[in-house]
Amino acid sequence: MSQPKHMKPILERVTPMNAEQKLYQFPNGYGASVVRGPYTYGGPDGLFELAVLTINNPKDWRLCYETPITNDVEGHLTGKQVTKLLRKIARLPSRLEEKDGEP
């Protein structure tokens, strides 16, 4: 999977379930987990699974089911489809501005 140069993962690891995982973080407070492994949606066929995240740092992230991009994980993705979704996530309105306006 090739991604734009400005979209470098903040974390790359092999999970305990033997899946390759990359975490991406964007200035808008969102990120993505991209995974491929034997138990991921599409992994056995060499395809990727992507989840939208709210992310503060590599150790503080949560799955986000409330974006216009998806309300679940997206599976069976090609590298090109992953790159398109990463671009869409990066363009989401900032969730950080919402936090600043809270009492």
PDB file of N, CA and C in Angstrom:
ATOM      1  N   MET A   1       0.852  -1.174   0.000  1.00  0.00           N
ATOM      2  CA  MET A   1       0.000   0.000   0.000  1.00  0.00           C
ATOM      3  C   MET A   1       0.892   1.229   0.000  1.00  0.00           C
ATOM      4  N   SER A   2       0.708   2.072  -0.980  1.00  0.00           N
ATOM      5  CA  SER A   2       1.471   3.325  -0.989  1.00  0.00           C
ATOM      6  C   SER A   2       0.559   4.432  -0.505  1.00  0.00           C
ATOM      7  N   GLN A   3       1.116   5.323   0.292  1.00  0.00           N
ATOM      8  CA  GLN A   3       0.323   6.437   0.794  1.00  0.00           C
ATOM      9  C   GLN A   3       1.077   7.721   0.518  1.00  0.00           C
ATOM     10  N   PRO A   4       0.353   8.849   0.489  1.00  0.00           N
ATOM     11  CA  PRO A   4       1.029  10.125   0.277  1.00  0.00           C
ATOM     12  C   PRO A   4       2.106  10.334   1.344  1.00  0.00           C
ATOM     13  N   LYS A   5       3.154  11.060   0.971  1.00  0.00           N
ATOM     14  CA  LYS A   5       4.293  11.262   1.874  1.00  0.00           C
ATOM     15  C   LYS A   5       3.883  11.905   3.187  1.00  0.00           C
ATOM     16  N   HIS A   6       2.877  12.787   3.164  1.00  0.00           N
ATOM     17  CA  HIS A   6       2.459  13.456   4.398  1.00  0.00           C
ATOM     18  C   HIS A   6       1.608  12.562   5.293  1.00  0.00           C
ATOM     19  N   MET A   7       1.290  11.371   4.832  1.00  0.00           N
ATOM     20  CA  MET A   7       0.487  10.435   5.623  1.00  0.00           C
ATOM     21  C   MET A   7       1.354   9.282   6.105  1.00  0.00           C
ATOM     22  N   LYS A   8       2.308   9.590   6.938  1.00  0.00           N
ATOM     23  CA  LYS A   8       3.168   8.539   7.481  1.00  0.00           C
ATOM     24  C   LYS A   8       2.556   8.028   8.773  1.00  0.00           C
ATOM     25  N   PRO A   9       2.603   6.712   8.985  1.00  0.00           N
ATOM     26  CA  PRO A   9       2.048   6.169  10.232  1.00  0.00           C
ATOM     27  C   PRO A   9       2.844   6.641  11.445  1.00  0.00           C
ATOM     28  N   ILE A  10       2.123   6.827  12.557  1.00  0.00           N
ATOM     29  CA  ILE A  10       2.787   7.186  13.809  1.00  0.00           C
ATOM     30  C   ILE A  10       3.204   5.938  14.579  1.00  0.00           C
ATOM     31  N   LEU A  11       2.665   4.794  14.163  1.00  0.00           N
ATOM     32  CA  LEU A  11       2.997   3.533  14.819  1.00  0.00           C
ATOM     33  C   LEU A  11       2.844   2.407  13.809  1.00  0.00           C
ATOM     34  N   GLU A  12       3.796   1.521  13.772  1.00  0.00           N
ATOM     35  CA  GLU A  12       3.714   0.303  12.962  1.00  0.00           C
ATOM     36  C   GLU A  12       4.084  -0.850  13.874  1.00  0.00           C
ATOM     37  N   ARG A  13       3.247  -1.877  13.867  1.00  0.00           N
ATOM     38  CA  ARG A  13       3.526  -3.015  14.741  1.00  0.00           C
ATOM     39  C   ARG A  13       2.864  -4.274  14.201  1.00  0.00           C
ATOM     40  N   VAL A  14       3.239  -5.393  14.787  1.00  0.00           N
ATOM     41  CA  VAL A  14       2.559  -6.663  14.549  1.00  0.00           C
ATOM     42  C   VAL A  14       1.751  -6.931  15.805  1.00  0.00           C
ATOM     43  N   THR A  15       0.449  -7.140  15.646  1.00  0.00           N
ATOM     44  CA  THR A  15      -0.435  -7.346  16.790  1.00  0.00           C
ATOM     45  C   THR A  15      -0.258  -8.745  17.367  1.00  0.00           C
ATOM     46  N   PRO A  16      -0.796  -8.976  18.559  1.00  0.00           N
ATOM     47  CA  PRO A  16      -0.729 -10.328  19.137  1.00  0.00           C
ATOM     48  C   PRO A  16      -1.421 -11.390  18.267  1.00  0.00           C
ATOM     49  N   MET A  17      -2.327 -10.952  17.384  1.00  0.00           N
ATOM     50  CA  MET A  17      -3.020 -11.893  16.489  1.00  0.00           C
ATOM     51  C   MET A  17      -2.288 -12.015  15.152  1.00  0.00           C
ATOM     52  N   ASN A  18      -1.012 -11.583  15.126  1.00  0.00           N
ATOM     53  CA  ASN A  18      -0.152 -11.697  13.953  1.00  0.00           C
ATOM     54  C   ASN A  18      -0.651 -10.893  12.751  1.00  0.00           C
ATOM     55  N   ALA A  19      -1.214  -9.720  13.015  1.00  0.00           N
ATOM     56  CA  ALA A  19      -1.648  -8.823  11.953  1.00  0.00           C
ATOM     57  C   ALA A  19      -0.713  -7.622  11.892  1.00  0.00           C
ATOM     58  N   GLU A  20      -0.473  -7.122  10.687  1.00  0.00           N
ATOM     59  CA  GLU A  20       0.286  -5.889  10.505  1.00  0.00           C
ATOM     60  C   GLU A  20      -0.666  -4.733  10.777  1.00  0.00           C
ATOM     61  N   GLN A  21      -0.257  -3.797  11.626  1.00  0.00           N
ATOM     62  CA  GLN A  21      -1.107  -2.650  11.937  1.00  0.00           C
ATOM     63  C   GLN A  21      -0.305  -1.364  11.797  1.00  0.00           C
ATOM     64  N   LYS A  22      -0.952  -0.365  11.193  1.00  0.00           N
ATOM     65  CA  LYS A  22      -0.387   0.978  11.112  1.00  0.00           C
ATOM     66  C   LYS A  22      -1.422   1.946  11.671  1.00  0.00           C
ATOM     67  N   LEU A  23      -0.965   2.857  12.528  1.00  0.00           N
ATOM     68  CA  LEU A  23      -1.828   3.912  13.064  1.00  0.00           C
ATOM     69  C   LEU A  23      -1.438   5.227  12.434  1.00  0.00           C
ATOM     70  N   TYR A  24      -2.442   5.970  11.997  1.00  0.00           N
ATOM     71  CA  TYR A  24      -2.254   7.289  11.402  1.00  0.00           C
ATOM     72  C   TYR A  24      -2.943   8.314  12.278  1.00  0.00           C
ATOM     73  N   GLN A  25      -2.334   9.493  12.406  1.00  0.00           N
ATOM     74  CA  GLN A  25      -2.918  10.578  13.186  1.00  0.00           C
ATOM     75  C   GLN A  25      -2.932  11.833  12.322  1.00  0.00           C
ATOM     76  N   PHE A  26      -4.065  12.560  12.364  1.00  0.00           N
ATOM     77  CA  PHE A  26      -4.212  13.775  11.577  1.00  0.00           C
ATOM     78  C   PHE A  26      -4.448  14.972  12.492  1.00  0.00           C
ATOM     79  N   PRO A  27      -4.106  16.176  12.039  1.00  0.00           N
ATOM     80  CA  PRO A  27      -4.245  17.379  12.868  1.00  0.00           C
ATOM     81  C   PRO A  27      -5.674  17.649  13.341  1.00  0.00           C
ATOM     82  N   ASN A  28      -6.675  17.073  12.687  1.00  0.00           N
ATOM     83  CA  ASN A  28      -8.070  17.315  13.066  1.00  0.00           C
ATOM     84  C   ASN A  28      -8.522  16.482  14.272  1.00  0.00           C
ATOM     85  N   GLY A  29      -7.627  15.688  14.854  1.00  0.00           N
ATOM     86  CA  GLY A  29      -7.975  14.884  16.017  1.00  0.00           C
ATOM     87  C   GLY A  29      -8.473  13.488  15.681  1.00  0.00           C
ATOM     88  N   TYR A  30      -8.561  13.185  14.388  1.00  0.00           N
ATOM     89  CA  TYR A  30      -8.950  11.848  13.950  1.00  0.00           C
ATOM     90  C   TYR A  30      -7.713  11.086  13.500  1.00  0.00           C
ATOM     91  N   GLY A  31      -7.885   9.820  13.328  1.00  0.00           N
ATOM     92  CA  GLY A  31      -6.823   8.971  12.830  1.00  0.00           C
ATOM     93  C   GLY A  31      -7.429   7.719  12.233  1.00  0.00           C
ATOM     94  N   ALA A  32      -6.576   6.775  11.953  1.00  0.00           N
ATOM     95  CA  ALA A  32      -7.040   5.515  11.380  1.00  0.00           C
ATOM     96  C   ALA A  32      -6.133   4.384  11.825  1.00  0.00           C
ATOM     97  N   SER A  33      -6.741   3.233  11.966  1.00  0.00           N
ATOM     98  CA  SER A  33      -6.013   1.994  12.170  1.00  0.00           C
ATOM     99  C   SER A  33      -6.187   1.176  10.906  1.00  0.00           C
ATOM    100  N   VAL A  34      -5.089   0.821  10.282  1.00  0.00           N
ATOM    101  CA  VAL A  34      -5.124  -0.004   9.072  1.00  0.00           C
ATOM    102  C   VAL A  34      -4.451  -1.324   9.429  1.00  0.00           C
ATOM    103  N   VAL A  35      -5.184  -2.408   9.233  1.00  0.00           N
ATOM    104  CA  VAL A  35      -4.722  -3.721   9.678  1.00  0.00           C
ATOM    105  C   VAL A  35      -4.878  -4.733   8.548  1.00  0.00           C
ATOM    106  N   ARG A  36      -3.926  -5.662   8.511  1.00  0.00           N
ATOM    107  CA  ARG A  36      -4.040  -6.790   7.582  1.00  0.00           C
ATOM    108  C   ARG A  36      -3.450  -8.000   8.276  1.00  0.00           C
ATOM    109  N   GLY A  37      -4.242  -9.053   8.368  1.00  0.00           N
ATOM    110  CA  GLY A  37      -3.774 -10.271   9.005  1.00  0.00           C
ATOM    111  C   GLY A  37      -4.732 -11.408   8.791  1.00  0.00           C
ATOM    112  N   PRO A  38      -4.432 -12.559   9.362  1.00  0.00           N
ATOM    113  CA  PRO A  38      -5.236 -13.751   9.110  1.00  0.00           C
ATOM    114  C   PRO A  38      -6.677 -13.662   9.613  1.00  0.00           C
ATOM    115  N   TYR A  39      -6.954 -12.770  10.570  1.00  0.00           N
ATOM    116  CA  TYR A  39      -8.301 -12.696  11.138  1.00  0.00           C
ATOM    117  C   TYR A  39      -8.985 -11.357  10.869  1.00  0.00           C
ATOM    118  N   THR A  40      -8.449 -10.547   9.954  1.00  0.00           N
ATOM    119  CA  THR A  40      -9.068  -9.264   9.624  1.00  0.00           C
ATOM    120  C   THR A  40      -9.955  -9.433   8.391  1.00  0.00           C
ATOM    121  N   TYR A  41     -10.879  -8.485   8.216  1.00  0.00           N
ATOM    122  CA  TYR A  41     -11.776  -8.532   7.056  1.00  0.00           C
ATOM    123  C   TYR A  41     -10.978  -8.327   5.777  1.00  0.00           C
ATOM    124  N   GLY A  42     -10.766  -9.401   5.038  1.00  0.00           N
ATOM    125  CA  GLY A  42     -10.021  -9.355   3.783  1.00  0.00           C
ATOM    126  C   GLY A  42      -8.559  -9.742   3.915  1.00  0.00           C
ATOM    127  N   GLY A  43      -8.068  -9.811   5.136  1.00  0.00           N
ATOM    128  CA  GLY A  43      -6.659 -10.133   5.357  1.00  0.00           C
ATOM    129  C   GLY A  43      -6.179 -11.410   4.693  1.00  0.00           C
ATOM    130  N   PRO A  44      -6.942 -12.503   4.789  1.00  0.00           N
ATOM    131  CA  PRO A  44      -6.491 -13.735   4.145  1.00  0.00           C
ATOM    132  C   PRO A  44      -6.317 -13.601   2.625  1.00  0.00           C
ATOM    133  N   ASP A  45      -6.973 -12.599   2.037  1.00  0.00           N
ATOM    134  CA  ASP A  45      -6.845 -12.351   0.592  1.00  0.00           C
ATOM    135  C   ASP A  45      -5.846 -11.244   0.295  1.00  0.00           C
ATOM    136  N   GLY A  46      -5.097 -10.793   1.327  1.00  0.00           N
ATOM    137  CA  GLY A  46      -4.104  -9.741   1.129  1.00  0.00           C
ATOM    138  C   GLY A  46      -4.686  -8.344   1.158  1.00  0.00           C
ATOM    139  N   LEU A  47      -5.954  -8.212   1.589  1.00  0.00           N
ATOM    140  CA  LEU A  47      -6.626  -6.912   1.631  1.00  0.00           C
ATOM    141  C   LEU A  47      -6.584  -6.332   3.040  1.00  0.00           C
ATOM    142  N   PHE A  48      -6.997  -5.083   3.168  1.00  0.00           N
ATOM    143  CA  PHE A  48      -6.880  -4.349   4.424  1.00  0.00           C
ATOM    144  C   PHE A  48      -8.224  -4.095   5.086  1.00  0.00           C
ATOM    145  N   GLU A  49      -8.148  -3.826   6.381  1.00  0.00           N
ATOM    146  CA  GLU A  49      -9.287  -3.390   7.188  1.00  0.00           C
ATOM    147  C   GLU A  49      -8.920  -2.028   7.773  1.00  0.00           C
ATOM    148  N   LEU A  50      -9.868  -1.093   7.774  1.00  0.00           N
ATOM    149  CA  LEU A  50      -9.606   0.251   8.280  1.00  0.00           C
ATOM    150  C   LEU A  50     -10.677   0.637   9.278  1.00  0.00           C
ATOM    151  N   ALA A  51     -10.243   1.261  10.382  1.00  0.00           N
ATOM    152  CA  ALA A  51     -11.169   1.816  11.369  1.00  0.00           C
ATOM    153  C   ALA A  51     -10.806   3.275  11.585  1.00  0.00           C
ATOM    154  N   VAL A  52     -11.821   4.132  11.679  1.00  0.00           N
ATOM    155  CA  VAL A  52     -11.606   5.536  12.015  1.00  0.00           C
ATOM    156  C   VAL A  52     -11.395   5.620  13.523  1.00  0.00           C
ATOM    157  N   LEU A  53     -10.469   6.468  13.932  1.00  0.00           N
ATOM    158  CA  LEU A  53     -10.145   6.623  15.345  1.00  0.00           C
ATOM    159  C   LEU A  53     -10.276   8.072  15.784  1.00  0.00           C
ATOM    160  N   THR A  54     -10.542   8.264  17.064  1.00  0.00           N
ATOM    161  CA  THR A  54     -10.215   9.525  17.706  1.00  0.00           C
ATOM    162  C   THR A  54      -8.896   9.246  18.382  1.00  0.00           C
ATOM    163  N   ILE A  55      -7.937  10.133  18.179  1.00  0.00           N
ATOM    164  CA  ILE A  55      -6.582   9.813  18.612  1.00  0.00           C
ATOM    165  C   ILE A  55      -5.887  11.052  19.164  1.00  0.00           C
ATOM    166  N   ASN A  56      -5.256  10.855  20.298  1.00  0.00           N
ATOM    167  CA  ASN A  56      -4.472  11.914  20.922  1.00  0.00           C
ATOM    168  C   ASN A  56      -2.974  11.625  20.826  1.00  0.00           C
ATOM    169  N   ASN A  57      -2.608  10.366  20.945  1.00  0.00           N
ATOM    170  CA  ASN A  57      -1.227   9.920  20.777  1.00  0.00           C
ATOM    171  C   ASN A  57      -1.254   8.410  20.547  1.00  0.00           C
ATOM    172  N   PRO A  58      -0.136   7.798  20.208  1.00  0.00           N
ATOM    173  CA  PRO A  58      -0.149   6.367  19.879  1.00  0.00           C
ATOM    174  C   PRO A  58      -0.698   5.453  20.972  1.00  0.00           C
ATOM    175  N   LYS A  59      -0.731   5.927  22.230  1.00  0.00           N
ATOM    176  CA  LYS A  59      -1.240   5.085  23.311  1.00  0.00           C
ATOM    177  C   LYS A  59      -2.631   5.502  23.782  1.00  0.00           C
ATOM    178  N   ASP A  60      -3.190   6.534  23.187  1.00  0.00           N
ATOM    179  CA  ASP A  60      -4.504   7.048  23.594  1.00  0.00           C
ATOM    180  C   ASP A  60      -5.380   7.241  22.370  1.00  0.00           C
ATOM    181  N   TRP A  61      -6.026   6.142  21.950  1.00  0.00           N
ATOM    182  CA  TRP A  61      -6.912   6.196  20.789  1.00  0.00           C
ATOM    183  C   TRP A  61      -8.106   5.287  21.004  1.00  0.00           C
ATOM    184  N   ARG A  62      -9.192   5.627  20.329  1.00  0.00           N
ATOM    185  CA  ARG A  62     -10.428   4.838  20.429  1.00  0.00           C
ATOM    186  C   ARG A  62     -11.083   4.753  19.056  1.00  0.00           C
ATOM    187  N   LEU A  63     -11.769   3.648  18.816  1.00  0.00           N
ATOM    188  CA  LEU A  63     -12.543   3.531  17.588  1.00  0.00           C
ATOM    189  C   LEU A  63     -13.645   4.570  17.598  1.00  0.00           C
ATOM    190  N   CYS A  64     -13.904   5.154  16.449  1.00  0.00           N
ATOM    191  CA  CYS A  64     -14.926   6.190  16.311  1.00  0.00           C
ATOM    192  C   CYS A  64     -15.975   5.701  15.307  1.00  0.00           C
ATOM    193  N   TYR A  65     -17.191   5.598  15.777  1.00  0.00           N
ATOM    194  CA  TYR A  65     -18.283   5.102  14.925  1.00  0.00           C
ATOM    195  C   TYR A  65     -19.224   6.214  14.487  1.00  0.00           C
ATOM    196  N   GLU A  66     -18.826   7.466  14.666  1.00  0.00           N
ATOM    197  CA  GLU A  66     -19.723   8.587  14.419  1.00  0.00           C
ATOM    198  C   GLU A  66     -19.147   9.578  13.423  1.00  0.00           C
ATOM    199  N   THR A  67     -18.701   9.104  12.275  1.00  0.00           N
ATOM    200  CA  THR A  67     -18.233  10.006  11.219  1.00  0.00           C
ATOM    201  C   THR A  67     -19.033   9.730   9.949  1.00  0.00           C
ATOM    202  N   PRO A  68     -19.028  10.684   9.023  1.00  0.00           N
ATOM    203  CA  PRO A  68     -19.706  10.433   7.746  1.00  0.00           C
ATOM    204  C   PRO A  68     -18.976   9.389   6.892  1.00  0.00           C
ATOM    205  N   ILE A  69     -17.779   9.016   7.294  1.00  0.00           N
ATOM    206  CA  ILE A  69     -17.016   8.045   6.508  1.00  0.00           C
ATOM    207  C   ILE A  69     -17.530   6.633   6.730  1.00  0.00           C
ATOM    208  N   THR A  70     -17.748   6.275   7.988  1.00  0.00           N
ATOM    209  CA  THR A  70     -18.278   4.942   8.299  1.00  0.00           C
ATOM    210  C   THR A  70     -18.756   4.902   9.742  1.00  0.00           C
ATOM    211  N   ASN A  71     -19.677   4.005  10.015  1.00  0.00           N
ATOM    212  CA  ASN A  71     -20.121   3.795  11.394  1.00  0.00           C
ATOM    213  C   ASN A  71     -19.681   2.410  11.878  1.00  0.00           C
ATOM    214  N   ASP A  72     -18.677   1.862  11.209  1.00  0.00           N
ATOM    215  CA  ASP A  72     -18.149   0.550  11.536  1.00  0.00           C
ATOM    216  C   ASP A  72     -16.729   0.482  10.983  1.00  0.00           C
ATOM    217  N   VAL A  73     -16.098  -0.670  11.013  1.00  0.00           N
ATOM    218  CA  VAL A  73     -14.831  -0.818  10.314  1.00  0.00           C
ATOM    219  C   VAL A  73     -15.133  -1.100   8.849  1.00  0.00           C
ATOM    220  N   GLU A  74     -14.199  -0.756   7.988  1.00  0.00           N
ATOM    221  CA  GLU A  74     -14.312  -1.048   6.561  1.00  0.00           C
ATOM    222  C   GLU A  74     -13.317  -2.149   6.249  1.00  0.00           C
ATOM    223  N   GLY A  75     -13.783  -3.203   5.621  1.00  0.00           N
ATOM    224  CA  GLY A  75     -12.913  -4.331   5.310  1.00  0.00           C
ATOM    225  C   GLY A  75     -12.814  -4.596   3.829  1.00  0.00           C
ATOM    226  N   HIS A  76     -11.958  -5.532   3.480  1.00  0.00           N
ATOM    227  CA  HIS A  76     -11.755  -5.972   2.095  1.00  0.00           C
ATOM    228  C   HIS A  76     -11.332  -4.813   1.199  1.00  0.00           C
ATOM    229  N   LEU A  77     -10.413  -3.978   1.696  1.00  0.00           N
ATOM    230  CA  LEU A  77      -9.979  -2.789   0.974  1.00  0.00           C
ATOM    231  C   LEU A  77      -8.645  -3.013   0.276  1.00  0.00           C
ATOM    232  N   THR A  78      -8.530  -2.470  -0.924  1.00  0.00           N
ATOM    233  CA  THR A  78      -7.241  -2.453  -1.606  1.00  0.00           C
ATOM    234  C   THR A  78      -6.407  -1.316  -1.033  1.00  0.00           C
ATOM    235  N   GLY A  79      -5.137  -1.290  -1.332  1.00  0.00           N
ATOM    236  CA  GLY A  79      -4.285  -0.195  -0.897  1.00  0.00           C
ATOM    237  C   GLY A  79      -4.777   1.148  -1.398  1.00  0.00           C
ATOM    238  N   LYS A  80      -5.261   1.182  -2.624  1.00  0.00           N
ATOM    239  CA  LYS A  80      -5.779   2.428  -3.207  1.00  0.00           C
ATOM    240  C   LYS A  80      -7.020   2.903  -2.448  1.00  0.00           C
ATOM    241  N   GLN A  81      -7.890   1.988  -2.077  1.00  0.00           N
ATOM    242  CA  GLN A  81      -9.085   2.353  -1.307  1.00  0.00           C
ATOM    243  C   GLN A  81      -8.713   2.869   0.084  1.00  0.00           C
ATOM    244  N   VAL A  82      -7.690   2.261   0.694  1.00  0.00           N
ATOM    245  CA  VAL A  82      -7.221   2.731   2.000  1.00  0.00           C
ATOM    246  C   VAL A  82      -6.722   4.165   1.880  1.00  0.00           C
ATOM    247  N   THR A  83      -5.923   4.451   0.871  1.00  0.00           N
ATOM    248  CA  THR A  83      -5.396   5.798   0.678  1.00  0.00           C
ATOM    249  C   THR A  83      -6.520   6.814   0.508  1.00  0.00           C
ATOM    250  N   LYS A  84      -7.550   6.469  -0.251  1.00  0.00           N
ATOM    251  CA  LYS A  84      -8.699   7.372  -0.424  1.00  0.00           C
ATOM    252  C   LYS A  84      -9.388   7.646   0.904  1.00  0.00           C
ATOM    253  N   LEU A  85      -9.577   6.596   1.699  1.00  0.00           N
ATOM    254  CA  LEU A  85     -10.224   6.782   2.999  1.00  0.00           C
ATOM    255  C   LEU A  85      -9.354   7.603   3.950  1.00  0.00           C
ATOM    256  N   LEU A  86      -8.046   7.394   3.928  1.00  0.00           N
ATOM    257  CA  LEU A  86      -7.154   8.190   4.765  1.00  0.00           C
ATOM    258  C   LEU A  86      -7.277   9.675   4.412  1.00  0.00           C
ATOM    259  N   ARG A  87      -7.354   9.969   3.135  1.00  0.00           N
ATOM    260  CA  ARG A  87      -7.514  11.375   2.700  1.00  0.00           C
ATOM    261  C   ARG A  87      -8.836  11.950   3.204  1.00  0.00           C
ATOM    262  N   LYS A  88      -9.899  11.158   3.137  1.00  0.00           N
ATOM    263  CA  LYS A  88     -11.205  11.627   3.620  1.00  0.00           C
ATOM    264  C   LYS A  88     -11.176  11.884   5.129  1.00  0.00           C
ATOM    265  N   ILE A  89     -10.529  10.998   5.862  1.00  0.00           N
ATOM    266  CA  ILE A  89     -10.430  11.174   7.319  1.00  0.00           C
ATOM    267  C   ILE A  89      -9.648  12.448   7.635  1.00  0.00           C
ATOM    268  N   ALA A  90      -8.565  12.663   6.921  1.00  0.00           N
ATOM    269  CA  ALA A  90      -7.737  13.855   7.148  1.00  0.00           C
ATOM    270  C   ALA A  90      -8.504  15.143   6.870  1.00  0.00           C
ATOM    271  N   ARG A  91      -9.533  15.071   6.011  1.00  0.00           N
ATOM    272  CA  ARG A  91     -10.319  16.270   5.661  1.00  0.00           C
ATOM    273  C   ARG A  91     -11.559  16.459   6.531  1.00  0.00           C
ATOM    274  N   LEU A  92     -11.813  15.562   7.473  1.00  0.00           N
ATOM    275  CA  LEU A  92     -12.967  15.739   8.356  1.00  0.00           C
ATOM    276  C   LEU A  92     -12.816  17.039   9.157  1.00  0.00           C
ATOM    277  N   PRO A  93     -13.942  17.683   9.518  1.00  0.00           N
ATOM    278  CA  PRO A  93     -13.839  18.864  10.382  1.00  0.00           C
ATOM    279  C   PRO A  93     -13.165  18.489  11.700  1.00  0.00           C
ATOM    280  N   SER A  94     -12.441  19.442  12.252  1.00  0.00           N
ATOM    281  CA  SER A  94     -11.679  19.176  13.473  1.00  0.00           C
ATOM    282  C   SER A  94     -12.591  18.853  14.648  1.00  0.00           C
ATOM    283  N   ARG A  95     -12.324  17.762  15.301  1.00  0.00           N
ATOM    284  CA  ARG A  95     -13.041  17.432  16.532  1.00  0.00           C
ATOM    285  C   ARG A  95     -12.421  18.167  17.710  1.00  0.00           C
ATOM    286  N   LEU A  96     -11.230  18.687  17.528  1.00  0.00           N
ATOM    287  CA  LEU A  96     -10.533  19.405  18.593  1.00  0.00           C
ATOM    288  C   LEU A  96     -11.195  20.752  18.869  1.00  0.00           C
ATOM    289  N   GLU A  97     -11.719  21.400  17.813  1.00  0.00           N
ATOM    290  CA  GLU A  97     -12.418  22.670  17.995  1.00  0.00           C
ATOM    291  C   GLU A  97     -13.669  22.467  18.829  1.00  0.00           C
ATOM    292  N   GLU A  98     -14.349  21.344  18.630  1.00  0.00           N
ATOM    293  CA  GLU A  98     -15.542  21.028  19.418  1.00  0.00           C
ATOM    294  C   GLU A  98     -15.178  20.920  20.893  1.00  0.00           C
ATOM    295  N   LYS A  99     -14.067  20.258  21.200  1.00  0.00           N
ATOM    296  CA  LYS A  99     -13.641  20.082  22.577  1.00  0.00           C
ATOM    297  C   LYS A  99     -13.345  21.435  23.228  1.00  0.00           C
ATOM    298  N   ASP A 100     -12.724  22.343  22.457  1.00  0.00           N
ATOM    299  CA  ASP A 100     -12.370  23.650  22.995  1.00  0.00           C
ATOM    300  C   ASP A 100     -13.594  24.463  23.398  1.00  0.00           C
ATOM    301  N   GLY A 101     -14.719  24.256  22.715  1.00  0.00           N
ATOM    302  CA  GLY A 101     -15.923  25.013  22.993  1.00  0.00           C
ATOM    303  C   GLY A 101     -16.731  24.475  24.165  1.00  0.00           C
ATOM    304  N   GLU A 102     -16.343  23.314  24.695  1.00  0.00           N
ATOM    305  CA  GLU A 102     -17.084  22.736  25.817  1.00  0.00           C
ATOM    306  C   GLU A 102     -16.740  23.459  27.111  1.00  0.00           C
ATOM    307  N   PRO A 103     -17.717  23.549  28.044  1.00  0.00           N
ATOM    308  CA  PRO A 103     -17.447  24.194  29.342  1.00  0.00           C
ATOM    309  C   PRO A 103     -16.460  23.412  30.185  1.00  0.00           C
TER     310      PRO A 103
END
